[in-house]
Amino acid sequence: MGDCMGILALAAMEKLLRKGDPAIRISDPAKEELRILLEEHGEKLAKTAARYAAHAGRKTIKSDDVKLAAKSKLE
């Protein structure tokens, strides 16, 4: 039920968190917090990448736009 609240799946958050230490247990609130943070950061990246594409006169966001957005401050 809680897995439908965000864009990213809680199972994916667990996989990411397990990369830190596969033997450690991970709480659902920890998965949810990571999802919130990644979605917020992803939204900022997407908006910045869209601005770069528009500035270049394109309607398509390209991988270079995303890379540039990731390197920018995003604030």
C-alpha atoms as a PDB file:
ATOM      1  CA  MET A   1       0.000   0.000   0.000  1.00  0.00           C
ATOM      2  CA  GLY A   2       2.725   2.534   0.963  1.00  0.00           C
ATOM      3  CA  ASP A   3       4.678   1.484  -2.127  1.00  0.00           C
ATOM      4  CA  CYS A   4       2.259   3.418  -4.391  1.00  0.00           C
ATOM      5  CA  MET A   5       2.795   6.841  -2.843  1.00  0.00           C
ATOM      6  CA  GLY A   6       5.914   7.828  -4.786  1.00  0.00           C
ATOM      7  CA  ILE A   7       7.311   7.481  -8.259  1.00  0.00           C
ATOM      8  CA  LEU A   8      10.150   5.252  -7.088  1.00  0.00           C
ATOM      9  CA  ALA A   9       9.426   1.819  -5.614  1.00  0.00           C
ATOM     10  CA  LEU A  10      10.355   1.052  -2.012  1.00  0.00           C
ATOM     11  CA  ALA A  11      11.930  -2.200  -3.206  1.00  0.00           C
ATOM     12  CA  ALA A  12      14.374  -0.159  -5.306  1.00  0.00           C
ATOM     13  CA  MET A  13      15.189   1.976  -2.251  1.00  0.00           C
ATOM     14  CA  GLU A  14      15.947  -1.185  -0.282  1.00  0.00           C
ATOM     15  CA  LYS A  15      18.304  -2.395  -3.038  1.00  0.00           C
ATOM     16  CA  LEU A  16      20.151   0.931  -2.942  1.00  0.00           C
ATOM     17  CA  LEU A  17      20.397   0.923   0.841  1.00  0.00           C
ATOM     18  CA  ARG A  18      21.637  -2.683   0.850  1.00  0.00           C
ATOM     19  CA  LYS A  19      24.660  -1.588  -1.199  1.00  0.00           C
ATOM     20  CA  GLY A  20      25.946  -0.011   2.023  1.00  0.00           C
ATOM     21  CA  ASP A  21      25.855  -3.343   3.889  1.00  0.00           C
ATOM     22  CA  PRO A  22      23.811  -6.325   2.641  1.00  0.00           C
ATOM     23  CA  ALA A  23      23.619  -7.851   6.137  1.00  0.00           C
ATOM     24  CA  ILE A  24      21.964  -4.855   7.824  1.00  0.00           C
ATOM     25  CA  ARG A  25      18.208  -4.529   8.289  1.00  0.00           C
ATOM     26  CA  ILE A  26      16.447  -1.550   6.712  1.00  0.00           C
ATOM     27  CA  SER A  27      13.317   0.025   8.151  1.00  0.00           C
ATOM     28  CA  ASP A  28      10.395   1.106   6.002  1.00  0.00           C
ATOM     29  CA  PRO A  29      10.757   4.731   7.200  1.00  0.00           C
ATOM     30  CA  ALA A  30      14.395   4.667   6.009  1.00  0.00           C
ATOM     31  CA  LYS A  31      13.301   3.456   2.571  1.00  0.00           C
ATOM     32  CA  GLU A  32      10.602   6.122   2.455  1.00  0.00           C
ATOM     33  CA  GLU A  33      13.044   8.878   3.446  1.00  0.00           C
ATOM     34  CA  LEU A  34      15.491   7.855   0.719  1.00  0.00           C
ATOM     35  CA  ARG A  35      12.628   7.820  -1.791  1.00  0.00           C
ATOM     36  CA  ILE A  36      11.565  11.329  -0.790  1.00  0.00           C
ATOM     37  CA  LEU A  37      15.111  12.688  -1.042  1.00  0.00           C
ATOM     38  CA  LEU A  38      15.801  11.042  -4.412  1.00  0.00           C
ATOM     39  CA  GLU A  39      12.487  12.209  -5.868  1.00  0.00           C
ATOM     40  CA  GLU A  40      13.091  15.791  -4.690  1.00  0.00           C
ATOM     41  CA  HIS A  41      16.602  15.789  -6.140  1.00  0.00           C
ATOM     42  CA  GLY A  42      15.370  14.135  -9.339  1.00  0.00           C
ATOM     43  CA  GLU A  43      12.690  16.785  -9.793  1.00  0.00           C
ATOM     44  CA  LYS A  44      15.273  19.564  -9.436  1.00  0.00           C
ATOM     45  CA  LEU A  45      17.531  17.799 -11.934  1.00  0.00           C
ATOM     46  CA  ALA A  46      14.666  17.393 -14.385  1.00  0.00           C
ATOM     47  CA  LYS A  47      13.677  21.066 -14.186  1.00  0.00           C
ATOM     48  CA  THR A  48      17.267  22.212 -14.659  1.00  0.00           C
ATOM     49  CA  ALA A  49      17.805  19.800 -17.564  1.00  0.00           C
ATOM     50  CA  ALA A  50      14.608  21.085 -19.193  1.00  0.00           C
ATOM     51  CA  ARG A  51      15.892  24.660 -18.912  1.00  0.00           C
ATOM     52  CA  TYR A  52      19.151  23.648 -20.590  1.00  0.00           C
ATOM     53  CA  ALA A  53      17.254  21.966 -23.433  1.00  0.00           C
ATOM     54  CA  ALA A  54      14.994  24.996 -23.881  1.00  0.00           C
ATOM     55  CA  HIS A  55      18.005  27.325 -23.854  1.00  0.00           C
ATOM     56  CA  ALA A  56      19.519  25.226 -26.657  1.00  0.00           C
ATOM     57  CA  GLY A  57      16.272  25.629 -28.624  1.00  0.00           C
ATOM     58  CA  ARG A  58      15.238  22.005 -28.188  1.00  0.00           C
ATOM     59  CA  LYS A  59      12.053  20.369 -26.963  1.00  0.00           C
ATOM     60  CA  THR A  60      13.954  17.189 -26.122  1.00  0.00           C
ATOM     61  CA  ILE A  61      16.034  16.728 -22.985  1.00  0.00           C
ATOM     62  CA  LYS A  62      19.255  14.943 -23.897  1.00  0.00           C
ATOM     63  CA  SER A  63      21.690  13.064 -21.697  1.00  0.00           C
ATOM     64  CA  ASP A  64      24.109  16.002 -21.840  1.00  0.00           C
ATOM     65  CA  ASP A  65      21.398  18.248 -20.355  1.00  0.00           C
ATOM     66  CA  VAL A  66      20.985  15.843 -17.443  1.00  0.00           C
ATOM     67  CA  LYS A  67      24.761  15.625 -16.941  1.00  0.00           C
ATOM     68  CA  LEU A  68      25.060  19.425 -16.946  1.00  0.00           C
ATOM     69  CA  ALA A  69      22.148  19.701 -14.522  1.00  0.00           C
ATOM     70  CA  ALA A  70      23.838  17.221 -12.182  1.00  0.00           C
ATOM     71  CA  LYS A  71      27.009  19.329 -12.219  1.00  0.00           C
ATOM     72  CA  SER A  72      25.154  22.580 -11.543  1.00  0.00           C
ATOM     73  CA  LYS A  73      24.182  23.841  -8.087  1.00  0.00           C
ATOM     74  CA  LEU A  74      20.428  23.131  -8.505  1.00  0.00           C
ATOM     75  CA  GLU A  75      19.369  25.894  -6.162  1.00  0.00           C
END
